[in-house]
């Protein structure tokens, strides 16, 4: 049988563990969010680097328009070859 001290110690251990779990869970969520934000930032940086390196500077719209024109040109060629 547990003495009152052992019961009290068990209670304290449980309380401390529960508080620790809450903190660990909160920080784990914050770390996951930070990792996701870093991934998004990295992907955006890669995209803007591609736009810049393609010679469009910061004109993302023109870069996108170029790729749409290129895709349309490719599709037109494919249709022509299939006829």
N, C-alpha and C. Protein backbone atom coordinates (compact mmCIF):
# COMPACT_ATOMS: atom_id res chain seq x y z
N UNK A 1 0.83 -1.17 0.00
CA UNK A 1 0.00 0.00 0.00
C UNK A 1 0.89 1.25 0.00
N UNK A 2 0.46 2.27 -0.73
CA UNK A 2 1.25 3.49 -0.86
C UNK A 2 1.04 4.39 0.35
N UNK A 3 2.12 4.95 0.80
CA UNK A 3 2.01 5.92 1.89
C UNK A 3 1.51 7.24 1.31
N UNK A 4 1.15 8.15 2.15
CA UNK A 4 0.66 9.44 1.67
C UNK A 4 1.77 10.19 0.94
N UNK A 5 3.04 10.02 1.37
CA UNK A 5 4.15 10.66 0.68
C UNK A 5 4.31 10.08 -0.72
N UNK A 6 4.21 8.75 -0.84
CA UNK A 6 4.35 8.11 -2.15
C UNK A 6 3.20 8.53 -3.07
N UNK A 7 2.01 8.64 -2.51
CA UNK A 7 0.87 9.08 -3.31
C UNK A 7 1.08 10.53 -3.77
N UNK A 8 1.56 11.35 -2.86
CA UNK A 8 1.82 12.74 -3.19
C UNK A 8 2.90 12.85 -4.26
N UNK A 9 3.96 12.06 -4.13
CA UNK A 9 5.05 12.06 -5.11
C UNK A 9 4.54 11.58 -6.47
N UNK A 10 3.71 10.56 -6.46
CA UNK A 10 3.13 10.05 -7.71
C UNK A 10 2.26 11.12 -8.36
N UNK A 11 1.50 11.82 -7.54
CA UNK A 11 0.66 12.91 -8.05
C UNK A 11 1.52 14.01 -8.67
N UNK A 12 2.58 14.40 -7.98
CA UNK A 12 3.47 15.43 -8.51
C UNK A 12 4.12 14.99 -9.82
N UNK A 13 4.56 13.74 -9.86
CA UNK A 13 5.17 13.21 -11.09
C UNK A 13 4.17 13.26 -12.24
N UNK A 14 2.94 12.90 -11.95
CA UNK A 14 1.90 12.91 -12.98
C UNK A 14 1.65 14.35 -13.46
N UNK A 15 1.53 15.28 -12.54
CA UNK A 15 1.30 16.68 -12.88
C UNK A 15 2.46 17.24 -13.70
N UNK A 16 3.69 16.96 -13.28
CA UNK A 16 4.86 17.45 -14.00
C UNK A 16 4.89 16.84 -15.41
N UNK A 17 4.63 15.54 -15.48
CA UNK A 17 4.63 14.88 -16.79
C UNK A 17 3.58 15.44 -17.71
N UNK A 18 2.40 15.72 -17.18
CA UNK A 18 1.33 16.29 -18.00
C UNK A 18 1.72 17.68 -18.49
N UNK A 19 2.29 18.48 -17.62
CA UNK A 19 2.73 19.82 -18.03
C UNK A 19 3.83 19.71 -19.08
N UNK A 20 4.74 18.79 -18.90
CA UNK A 20 5.84 18.60 -19.85
C UNK A 20 5.29 18.16 -21.21
N UNK A 21 4.29 17.25 -21.19
CA UNK A 21 3.69 16.80 -22.44
C UNK A 21 3.03 17.95 -23.18
N UNK A 22 2.34 18.84 -22.43
CA UNK A 22 1.70 19.98 -23.06
C UNK A 22 2.72 20.90 -23.71
N UNK A 23 3.79 21.16 -23.01
CA UNK A 23 4.84 22.04 -23.55
C UNK A 23 5.49 21.38 -24.77
N UNK A 24 5.81 20.11 -24.66
CA UNK A 24 6.44 19.39 -25.77
C UNK A 24 5.52 19.38 -26.99
N UNK A 25 4.24 19.18 -26.77
CA UNK A 25 3.28 19.16 -27.87
C UNK A 25 3.18 20.53 -28.53
N UNK A 26 3.14 21.59 -27.71
CA UNK A 26 3.05 22.95 -28.24
C UNK A 26 4.30 23.27 -29.07
N UNK A 27 5.47 22.96 -28.54
CA UNK A 27 6.69 23.24 -29.28
C UNK A 27 6.82 22.39 -30.53
N UNK A 28 6.32 21.17 -30.48
CA UNK A 28 6.37 20.31 -31.66
C UNK A 28 5.51 20.92 -32.77
N UNK A 29 4.35 21.46 -32.42
CA UNK A 29 3.50 22.11 -33.41
C UNK A 29 4.18 23.36 -33.98
N UNK A 30 4.81 24.13 -33.11
CA UNK A 30 5.49 25.34 -33.57
C UNK A 30 6.67 25.00 -34.47
N UNK A 31 7.38 23.95 -34.14
CA UNK A 31 8.51 23.52 -34.98
C UNK A 31 8.00 23.06 -36.34
N UNK A 32 6.91 22.31 -36.36
CA UNK A 32 6.34 21.85 -37.64
C UNK A 32 5.90 23.04 -38.49
N UNK A 33 5.25 24.01 -37.87
CA UNK A 33 4.83 25.21 -38.61
C UNK A 33 6.04 25.96 -39.17
N UNK A 34 7.09 26.07 -38.38
CA UNK A 34 8.31 26.76 -38.84
C UNK A 34 8.93 26.01 -40.02
N UNK A 35 8.92 24.70 -39.95
CA UNK A 35 9.47 23.91 -41.07
C UNK A 35 8.64 24.11 -42.33
N UNK A 36 7.32 24.14 -42.20
CA UNK A 36 6.46 24.36 -43.36
C UNK A 36 6.67 25.75 -43.95
N UNK A 37 6.78 26.75 -43.08
CA UNK A 37 7.03 28.11 -43.57
C UNK A 37 8.38 28.19 -44.28
N UNK A 38 9.38 27.52 -43.76
CA UNK A 38 10.70 27.51 -44.40
C UNK A 38 10.64 26.84 -45.76
N UNK A 39 9.87 25.76 -45.86
CA UNK A 39 9.73 25.07 -47.14
C UNK A 39 9.04 25.96 -48.16
N UNK A 40 7.99 26.63 -47.74
CA UNK A 40 7.28 27.55 -48.64
C UNK A 40 8.21 28.67 -49.09
N UNK A 41 8.95 29.24 -48.15
CA UNK A 41 9.87 30.33 -48.47
C UNK A 41 10.92 29.85 -49.47
N UNK A 42 11.46 28.63 -49.24
CA UNK A 42 12.49 28.08 -50.12
C UNK A 42 11.93 27.86 -51.52
N UNK A 43 10.70 27.33 -51.62
CA UNK A 43 10.09 27.11 -52.93
C UNK A 43 9.85 28.43 -53.66
N UNK A 44 9.40 29.45 -52.92
CA UNK A 44 9.20 30.76 -53.54
C UNK A 44 10.53 31.34 -54.03
N UNK A 45 11.57 31.21 -53.23
CA UNK A 45 12.89 31.72 -53.62
C UNK A 45 13.39 31.01 -54.87
N UNK A 46 13.18 29.70 -54.96
CA UNK A 46 13.59 28.95 -56.14
C UNK A 46 12.83 29.43 -57.38
N UNK A 47 11.53 29.65 -57.21
CA UNK A 47 10.71 30.12 -58.33
C UNK A 47 11.17 31.49 -58.81
N UNK A 48 11.34 32.43 -57.86
CA UNK A 48 11.78 33.77 -58.25
C UNK A 48 13.18 33.75 -58.86
N UNK A 49 14.01 32.83 -58.41
CA UNK A 49 15.34 32.68 -59.02
C UNK A 49 15.22 32.22 -60.46
N UNK A 50 14.29 31.29 -60.72
CA UNK A 50 14.07 30.83 -62.09
C UNK A 50 13.60 31.97 -62.98
N UNK A 51 12.68 32.77 -62.47
CA UNK A 51 12.18 33.92 -63.24
C UNK A 51 13.33 34.88 -63.53
N UNK A 52 14.11 35.19 -62.52
CA UNK A 52 15.23 36.12 -62.68
C UNK A 52 16.25 35.56 -63.67
N UNK A 53 16.62 34.28 -63.50
CA UNK A 53 17.64 33.67 -64.36
C UNK A 53 17.17 33.50 -65.80
N UNK A 54 15.86 33.46 -66.00
CA UNK A 54 15.32 33.36 -67.36
C UNK A 54 15.33 34.71 -68.06
N UNK A 55 15.72 35.76 -67.35
CA UNK A 55 15.84 37.07 -67.96
C UNK A 55 14.62 37.95 -67.80
N UNK A 56 13.70 37.58 -66.93
CA UNK A 56 12.48 38.37 -66.74
C UNK A 56 12.55 39.28 -65.53
N UNK A 57 13.67 39.31 -64.85
CA UNK A 57 13.80 40.15 -63.67
C UNK A 57 12.78 39.76 -62.62
N UNK A 58 11.93 40.70 -62.26
CA UNK A 58 10.89 40.41 -61.26
C UNK A 58 9.50 40.32 -61.91
N UNK A 59 9.45 40.25 -63.24
CA UNK A 59 8.17 40.22 -63.96
C UNK A 59 7.65 38.78 -64.05
N UNK A 60 7.02 38.36 -62.99
CA UNK A 60 6.49 36.99 -62.92
C UNK A 60 5.38 36.78 -63.95
N UNK A 61 4.56 37.80 -64.16
CA UNK A 61 3.45 37.66 -65.12
C UNK A 61 3.95 37.39 -66.53
N UNK A 62 4.99 38.08 -66.93
CA UNK A 62 5.55 37.87 -68.28
C UNK A 62 6.17 36.48 -68.39
N UNK A 63 6.81 36.04 -67.33
CA UNK A 63 7.40 34.69 -67.29
C UNK A 63 6.31 33.64 -67.46
N UNK A 64 5.20 33.80 -66.74
CA UNK A 64 4.08 32.86 -66.84
C UNK A 64 3.47 32.91 -68.24
N UNK A 65 3.35 34.11 -68.80
CA UNK A 65 2.79 34.25 -70.15
C UNK A 65 3.68 33.54 -71.17
N UNK A 66 4.99 33.63 -70.99
CA UNK A 66 5.92 32.94 -71.89
C UNK A 66 5.65 31.44 -71.88
N UNK A 67 5.52 30.87 -70.69
CA UNK A 67 5.29 29.43 -70.60
C UNK A 67 3.94 29.04 -71.18
N UNK A 68 2.94 29.88 -71.04
CA UNK A 68 1.63 29.59 -71.64
C UNK A 68 1.73 29.62 -73.17
N UNK A 69 2.46 30.61 -73.70
CA UNK A 69 2.65 30.67 -75.15
C UNK A 69 3.42 29.45 -75.64
N UNK A 70 4.44 29.06 -74.89
CA UNK A 70 5.24 27.90 -75.28
C UNK A 70 4.39 26.63 -75.27
N UNK A 71 3.57 26.48 -74.27
CA UNK A 71 2.69 25.31 -74.19
C UNK A 71 1.69 25.30 -75.35
N UNK A 72 1.13 26.47 -75.66
CA UNK A 72 0.19 26.56 -76.78
C UNK A 72 0.87 26.22 -78.10
N UNK A 73 2.09 26.71 -78.26
CA UNK A 73 2.86 26.41 -79.47
C UNK A 73 3.10 24.90 -79.59
N UNK A 74 3.49 24.27 -78.50
CA UNK A 74 3.72 22.83 -78.50
C UNK A 74 2.44 22.08 -78.84
N UNK A 75 1.32 22.48 -78.25
CA UNK A 75 0.04 21.81 -78.53
C UNK A 75 -0.36 21.98 -79.98
N UNK A 76 -0.13 23.16 -80.54
CA UNK A 76 -0.44 23.40 -81.95
C UNK A 76 0.40 22.50 -82.85
N UNK A 77 1.67 22.34 -82.53
CA UNK A 77 2.54 21.46 -83.31
C UNK A 77 2.07 20.03 -83.21
N UNK A 78 1.70 19.58 -82.03
CA UNK A 78 1.22 18.22 -81.82
C UNK A 78 -0.04 17.98 -82.64
N UNK A 79 -0.95 18.93 -82.64
CA UNK A 79 -2.20 18.80 -83.43
C UNK A 79 -1.89 18.75 -84.91
N UNK A 80 -0.97 19.56 -85.36
CA UNK A 80 -0.58 19.58 -86.77
C UNK A 80 0.05 18.26 -87.20
N UNK A 81 0.87 17.69 -86.35
CA UNK A 81 1.51 16.42 -86.67
C UNK A 81 0.52 15.26 -86.68
N UNK A 82 -0.52 15.36 -85.87
CA UNK A 82 -1.51 14.29 -85.80
C UNK A 82 -2.43 14.29 -87.02
N UNK A 83 -2.51 15.39 -87.76
CA UNK A 83 -3.40 15.47 -88.92
C UNK A 83 -2.85 14.81 -90.12
